[in-house]
């Protein structure tokens, strides 16, 4: 019988631990199709996901 070369525990394998405040909550809202498209475009242009883009706009300090 050949030794197993697949599977089993490996260093660094598995899901990584999240920070002290992991993101598990979901928020949904209603908007028009054109607003949804604009959100998609703005988030893509910034290189962020839609969720990251919205959080950045909501929680980043306002610029003068």
PDB file of N, CA and C in Angstrom:
ATOM      1  N   UNK A   1       0.844  -1.181   0.000  1.00  0.00           N
ATOM      2  CA  UNK A   1       0.000   0.000   0.000  1.00  0.00           C
ATOM      3  C   UNK A   1       0.893   1.249   0.000  1.00  0.00           C
ATOM      4  N   UNK A   2       0.575   2.201  -0.846  1.00  0.00           N
ATOM      5  CA  UNK A   2       1.368   3.422  -0.955  1.00  0.00           C
ATOM      6  C   UNK A   2       0.986   4.409   0.145  1.00  0.00           C
ATOM      7  N   UNK A   3       1.960   5.202   0.617  1.00  0.00           N
ATOM      8  CA  UNK A   3       1.633   6.214   1.640  1.00  0.00           C
ATOM      9  C   UNK A   3       0.767   7.316   1.036  1.00  0.00           C
ATOM     10  N   UNK A   4      -0.100   7.871   1.845  1.00  0.00           N
ATOM     11  CA  UNK A   4      -0.977   8.955   1.387  1.00  0.00           C
ATOM     12  C   UNK A   4      -0.149  10.211   1.134  1.00  0.00           C
ATOM     13  N   UNK A   5      -0.413  10.859   0.005  1.00  0.00           N
ATOM     14  CA  UNK A   5       0.308  12.089  -0.315  1.00  0.00           C
ATOM     15  C   UNK A   5      -0.643  13.266  -0.433  1.00  0.00           C
ATOM     16  N   UNK A   6      -1.906  13.028  -0.198  1.00  0.00           N
ATOM     17  CA  UNK A   6      -2.896  14.101  -0.310  1.00  0.00           C
ATOM     18  C   UNK A   6      -3.717  14.183   0.967  1.00  0.00           C
ATOM     19  N   UNK A   7      -4.250  15.381   1.201  1.00  0.00           N
ATOM     20  CA  UNK A   7      -5.142  15.570   2.344  1.00  0.00           C
ATOM     21  C   UNK A   7      -4.379  15.648   3.658  1.00  0.00           C
ATOM     22  N   UNK A   8      -5.112  15.766   4.715  1.00  0.00           N
ATOM     23  CA  UNK A   8      -4.502  15.827   6.033  1.00  0.00           C
ATOM     24  C   UNK A   8      -4.131  17.243   6.443  1.00  0.00           C
ATOM     25  N   UNK A   9      -3.732  17.376   7.680  1.00  0.00           N
ATOM     26  CA  UNK A   9      -3.379  18.692   8.224  1.00  0.00           C
ATOM     27  C   UNK A   9      -2.038  19.142   7.669  1.00  0.00           C
ATOM     28  N   UNK A  10      -1.967  20.415   7.319  1.00  0.00           N
ATOM     29  CA  UNK A  10      -0.732  21.010   6.813  1.00  0.00           C
ATOM     30  C   UNK A  10      -0.551  22.361   7.481  1.00  0.00           C
ATOM     31  N   UNK A  11       0.661  22.777   7.730  1.00  0.00           N
ATOM     32  CA  UNK A  11       0.885  24.102   8.315  1.00  0.00           C
ATOM     33  C   UNK A  11       0.332  25.193   7.397  1.00  0.00           C
ATOM     34  N   UNK A  12      -0.422  26.123   7.950  1.00  0.00           N
ATOM     35  CA  UNK A  12      -0.971  27.234   7.171  1.00  0.00           C
ATOM     36  C   UNK A  12      -2.234  26.903   6.403  1.00  0.00           C
ATOM     37  N   UNK A  13      -2.716  25.676   6.504  1.00  0.00           N
ATOM     38  CA  UNK A  13      -3.916  25.281   5.769  1.00  0.00           C
ATOM     39  C   UNK A  13      -5.165  25.714   6.532  1.00  0.00           C
ATOM     40  N   UNK A  14      -6.259  25.820   5.822  1.00  0.00           N
ATOM     41  CA  UNK A  14      -7.535  26.130   6.441  1.00  0.00           C
ATOM     42  C   UNK A  14      -7.874  27.606   6.402  1.00  0.00           C
ATOM     43  N   UNK A  15      -9.054  27.909   6.872  1.00  0.00           N
ATOM     44  CA  UNK A  15      -9.543  29.289   6.877  1.00  0.00           C
ATOM     45  C   UNK A  15      -8.743  30.129   7.859  1.00  0.00           C
ATOM     46  N   UNK A  16      -8.377  31.318   7.418  1.00  0.00           N
ATOM     47  CA  UNK A  16      -7.590  32.216   8.253  1.00  0.00           C
ATOM     48  C   UNK A  16      -8.488  32.910   9.270  1.00  0.00           C
ATOM     49  N   UNK A  17      -7.934  33.199  10.439  1.00  0.00           N
ATOM     50  CA  UNK A  17      -8.683  33.910  11.472  1.00  0.00           C
ATOM     51  C   UNK A  17      -8.915  35.347  11.055  1.00  0.00           C
ATOM     52  N   UNK A  18     -10.077  35.866  11.408  1.00  0.00           N
ATOM     53  CA  UNK A  18     -10.405  37.251  11.116  1.00  0.00           C
ATOM     54  C   UNK A  18      -9.956  38.124  12.279  1.00  0.00           C
ATOM     55  N   UNK A  19      -9.932  39.431  12.063  1.00  0.00           N
ATOM     56  CA  UNK A  19      -9.562  40.364  13.124  1.00  0.00           C
ATOM     57  C   UNK A  19     -10.536  40.287  14.282  1.00  0.00           C
ATOM     58  N   UNK A  20     -10.347  41.143  15.249  1.00  0.00           N
ATOM     59  CA  UNK A  20     -11.186  41.113  16.443  1.00  0.00           C
ATOM     60  C   UNK A  20     -12.645  41.432  16.114  1.00  0.00           C
ATOM     61  N   UNK A  21     -12.870  42.179  15.033  1.00  0.00           N
ATOM     62  CA  UNK A  21     -14.231  42.520  14.642  1.00  0.00           C
ATOM     63  C   UNK A  21     -14.467  42.010  13.223  1.00  0.00           C
ATOM     64  N   UNK A  22     -14.900  40.753  13.116  1.00  0.00           N
ATOM     65  CA  UNK A  22     -15.112  40.185  11.794  1.00  0.00           C
ATOM     66  C   UNK A  22     -16.414  40.721  11.201  1.00  0.00           C
ATOM     67  N   UNK A  23     -16.460  40.795   9.891  1.00  0.00           N
ATOM     68  CA  UNK A  23     -17.620  41.343   9.200  1.00  0.00           C
ATOM     69  C   UNK A  23     -18.599  40.220   8.895  1.00  0.00           C
ATOM     70  N   UNK A  24     -19.659  40.172   9.689  1.00  0.00           N
ATOM     71  CA  UNK A  24     -20.640  39.110   9.502  1.00  0.00           C
ATOM     72  C   UNK A  24     -22.048  39.642   9.296  1.00  0.00           C
ATOM     73  N   UNK A  25     -22.267  40.924   9.485  1.00  0.00           N
ATOM     74  CA  UNK A  25     -23.606  41.496   9.350  1.00  0.00           C
ATOM     75  C   UNK A  25     -23.872  41.855   7.891  1.00  0.00           C
ATOM     76  N   UNK A  26     -25.123  41.736   7.492  1.00  0.00           N
ATOM     77  CA  UNK A  26     -25.539  42.074   6.137  1.00  0.00           C
ATOM     78  C   UNK A  26     -26.544  43.210   6.190  1.00  0.00           C
ATOM     79  N   UNK A  27     -26.376  44.176   5.294  1.00  0.00           N
ATOM     80  CA  UNK A  27     -27.285  45.310   5.186  1.00  0.00           C
ATOM     81  C   UNK A  27     -27.781  45.352   3.744  1.00  0.00           C
ATOM     82  N   UNK A  28     -29.056  45.580   3.566  1.00  0.00           N
ATOM     83  CA  UNK A  28     -29.589  45.724   2.207  1.00  0.00           C
ATOM     84  C   UNK A  28     -30.417  47.002   2.148  1.00  0.00           C
ATOM     85  N   UNK A  29     -30.525  47.563   0.942  1.00  0.00           N
ATOM     86  CA  UNK A  29     -31.316  48.767   0.763  1.00  0.00           C
ATOM     87  C   UNK A  29     -31.916  48.765  -0.631  1.00  0.00           C
ATOM     88  N   UNK A  30     -32.863  49.629  -0.845  1.00  0.00           N
ATOM     89  CA  UNK A  30     -33.574  49.699  -2.117  1.00  0.00           C
ATOM     90  C   UNK A  30     -33.085  50.925  -2.885  1.00  0.00           C
ATOM     91  N   UNK A  31     -32.837  50.732  -4.177  1.00  0.00           N
ATOM     92  CA  UNK A  31     -32.445  51.841  -5.043  1.00  0.00           C
ATOM     93  C   UNK A  31     -32.954  51.556  -6.452  1.00  0.00           C
ATOM     94  N   UNK A  32     -32.848  52.540  -7.312  1.00  0.00           N
ATOM     95  CA  UNK A  32     -33.277  52.357  -8.694  1.00  0.00           C
ATOM     96  C   UNK A  32     -32.202  51.591  -9.467  1.00  0.00           C
ATOM     97  N   UNK A  33     -32.561  51.073 -10.631  1.00  0.00           N
ATOM     98  CA  UNK A  33     -31.589  50.376 -11.469  1.00  0.00           C
ATOM     99  C   UNK A  33     -30.448  51.307 -11.876  1.00  0.00           C
ATOM    100  N   UNK A  34     -30.770  52.575 -12.157  1.00  0.00           N
ATOM    101  CA  UNK A  34     -29.717  53.509 -12.563  1.00  0.00           C
ATOM    102  C   UNK A  34     -28.778  53.814 -11.392  1.00  0.00           C
ATOM    103  N   UNK A  35     -29.303  53.888 -10.171  1.00  0.00           N
ATOM    104  CA  UNK A  35     -28.451  54.089  -9.000  1.00  0.00           C
ATOM    105  C   UNK A  35     -27.563  52.872  -8.767  1.00  0.00           C
ATOM    106  N   UNK A  36     -28.126  51.706  -8.984  1.00  0.00           N
ATOM    107  CA  UNK A  36     -27.359  50.470  -8.834  1.00  0.00           C
ATOM    108  C   UNK A  36     -26.214  50.425  -9.846  1.00  0.00           C
ATOM    109  N   UNK A  37     -26.495  50.820 -11.082  1.00  0.00           N
ATOM    110  CA  UNK A  37     -25.473  50.845 -12.124  1.00  0.00           C
ATOM    111  C   UNK A  37     -24.384  51.865 -11.780  1.00  0.00           C
ATOM    112  N   UNK A  38     -24.790  53.021 -11.280  1.00  0.00           N
ATOM    113  CA  UNK A  38     -23.821  54.054 -10.910  1.00  0.00           C
ATOM    114  C   UNK A  38     -22.930  53.571  -9.766  1.00  0.00           C
ATOM    115  N   UNK A  39     -23.509  52.896  -8.775  1.00  0.00           N
ATOM    116  CA  UNK A  39     -22.733  52.329  -7.672  1.00  0.00           C
ATOM    117  C   UNK A  39     -21.731  51.320  -8.210  1.00  0.00           C
ATOM    118  N   UNK A  40     -22.174  50.461  -9.112  1.00  0.00           N
ATOM    119  CA  UNK A  40     -21.286  49.462  -9.704  1.00  0.00           C
ATOM    120  C   UNK A  40     -20.108  50.146 -10.415  1.00  0.00           C
ATOM    121  N   UNK A  41     -20.406  51.162 -11.215  1.00  0.00           N
ATOM    122  CA  UNK A  41     -19.363  51.871 -11.963  1.00  0.00           C
ATOM    123  C   UNK A  41     -18.385  52.579 -11.022  1.00  0.00           C
ATOM    124  N   UNK A  42     -18.922  53.263 -10.010  1.00  0.00           N
ATOM    125  CA  UNK A  42     -18.067  54.007  -9.089  1.00  0.00           C
ATOM    126  C   UNK A  42     -17.158  53.069  -8.284  1.00  0.00           C
ATOM    127  N   UNK A  43     -17.698  51.935  -7.867  1.00  0.00           N
ATOM    128  CA  UNK A  43     -16.879  50.995  -7.102  1.00  0.00           C
ATOM    129  C   UNK A  43     -15.817  50.359  -7.991  1.00  0.00           C
ATOM    130  N   UNK A  44     -16.167  50.024  -9.235  1.00  0.00           N
ATOM    131  CA  UNK A  44     -15.186  49.457 -10.160  1.00  0.00           C
ATOM    132  C   UNK A  44     -14.086  50.466 -10.462  1.00  0.00           C
ATOM    133  N   UNK A  45     -14.453  51.733 -10.666  1.00  0.00           N
ATOM    134  CA  UNK A  45     -13.464  52.773 -10.964  1.00  0.00           C
ATOM    135  C   UNK A  45     -12.501  52.997  -9.797  1.00  0.00           C
ATOM    136  N   UNK A  46     -12.972  52.759  -8.571  1.00  0.00           N
ATOM    137  CA  UNK A  46     -12.117  52.951  -7.402  1.00  0.00           C
ATOM    138  C   UNK A  46     -11.313  51.697  -7.075  1.00  0.00           C
ATOM    139  N   UNK A  47     -11.610  50.586  -7.762  1.00  0.00           N
ATOM    140  CA  UNK A  47     -10.894  49.343  -7.507  1.00  0.00           C
ATOM    141  C   UNK A  47     -11.355  48.614  -6.266  1.00  0.00           C
ATOM    142  N   UNK A  48     -12.552  48.958  -5.776  1.00  0.00           N
ATOM    143  CA  UNK A  48     -13.094  48.339  -4.569  1.00  0.00           C
ATOM    144  C   UNK A  48     -14.340  47.542  -4.902  1.00  0.00           C
ATOM    145  N   UNK A  49     -14.703  46.629  -4.003  1.00  0.00           N
ATOM    146  CA  UNK A  49     -15.989  45.961  -4.138  1.00  0.00           C
ATOM    147  C   UNK A  49     -17.078  46.971  -3.781  1.00  0.00           C
ATOM    148  N   UNK A  50     -18.310  46.670  -4.122  1.00  0.00           N
ATOM    149  CA  UNK A  50     -19.403  47.584  -3.792  1.00  0.00           C
ATOM    150  C   UNK A  50     -19.505  47.752  -2.282  1.00  0.00           C
ATOM    151  N   UNK A  51     -19.343  46.686  -1.530  1.00  0.00           N
ATOM    152  CA  UNK A  51     -19.410  46.757  -0.076  1.00  0.00           C
ATOM    153  C   UNK A  51     -18.292  47.634   0.480  1.00  0.00           C
ATOM    154  N   UNK A  52     -17.065  47.422  -0.011  1.00  0.00           N
ATOM    155  CA  UNK A  52     -15.937  48.229   0.448  1.00  0.00           C
ATOM    156  C   UNK A  52     -16.138  49.695   0.092  1.00  0.00           C
ATOM    157  N   UNK A  53     -16.657  49.963  -1.097  1.00  0.00           N
ATOM    158  CA  UNK A  53     -16.875  51.339  -1.546  1.00  0.00           C
ATOM    159  C   UNK A  53     -17.890  52.050  -0.644  1.00  0.00           C
ATOM    160  N   UNK A  54     -18.992  51.386  -0.357  1.00  0.00           N
ATOM    161  CA  UNK A  54     -20.028  51.982   0.490  1.00  0.00           C
ATOM    162  C   UNK A  54     -19.481  52.244   1.894  1.00  0.00           C
ATOM    163  N   UNK A  55     -18.757  51.274   2.465  1.00  0.00           N
ATOM    164  CA  UNK A  55     -18.186  51.462   3.803  1.00  0.00           C
ATOM    165  C   UNK A  55     -17.187  52.606   3.809  1.00  0.00           C
ATOM    166  N   UNK A  56     -16.374  52.704   2.764  1.00  0.00           N
ATOM    167  CA  UNK A  56     -15.406  53.794   2.687  1.00  0.00           C
ATOM    168  C   UNK A  56     -16.131  55.138   2.679  1.00  0.00           C
ATOM    169  N   UNK A  57     -17.184  55.261   1.889  1.00  0.00           N
ATOM    170  CA  UNK A  57     -17.922  56.520   1.797  1.00  0.00           C
ATOM    171  C   UNK A  57     -18.643  56.842   3.108  1.00  0.00           C
ATOM    172  N   UNK A  58     -19.148  55.839   3.784  1.00  0.00           N
ATOM    173  CA  UNK A  58     -19.890  56.071   5.025  1.00  0.00           C
ATOM    174  C   UNK A  58     -18.986  56.370   6.217  1.00  0.00           C
ATOM    175  N   UNK A  59     -17.873  55.670   6.316  1.00  0.00           N
ATOM    176  CA  UNK A  59     -17.104  55.695   7.562  1.00  0.00           C
ATOM    177  C   UNK A  59     -15.770  56.416   7.481  1.00  0.00           C
ATOM    178  N   UNK A  60     -15.347  56.832   6.301  1.00  0.00           N
ATOM    179  CA  UNK A  60     -14.100  57.597   6.197  1.00  0.00           C
ATOM    180  C   UNK A  60     -14.355  59.038   6.573  1.00  0.00           C
ATOM    181  N   UNK A  61     -13.388  59.693   7.193  1.00  0.00           N
ATOM    182  CA  UNK A  61     -13.585  61.094   7.551  1.00  0.00           C
ATOM    183  C   UNK A  61     -13.808  61.958   6.304  1.00  0.00           C
ATOM    184  N   UNK A  62     -14.649  62.939   6.423  1.00  0.00           N
ATOM    185  CA  UNK A  62     -14.938  63.839   5.299  1.00  0.00           C
ATOM    186  C   UNK A  62     -13.731  64.695   5.005  1.00  0.00           C
ATOM    187  N   UNK A  63     -13.511  64.926   3.732  1.00  0.00           N
ATOM    188  CA  UNK A  63     -12.397  65.780   3.304  1.00  0.00           C
ATOM    189  C   UNK A  63     -12.896  67.205   3.165  1.00  0.00           C
ATOM    190  N   UNK A  64     -12.073  68.168   3.578  1.00  0.00           N
ATOM    191  CA  UNK A  64     -12.516  69.581   3.471  1.00  0.00           C
ATOM    192  C   UNK A  64     -12.570  70.043   2.031  1.00  0.00           C
TER     193      UNK A  64
END
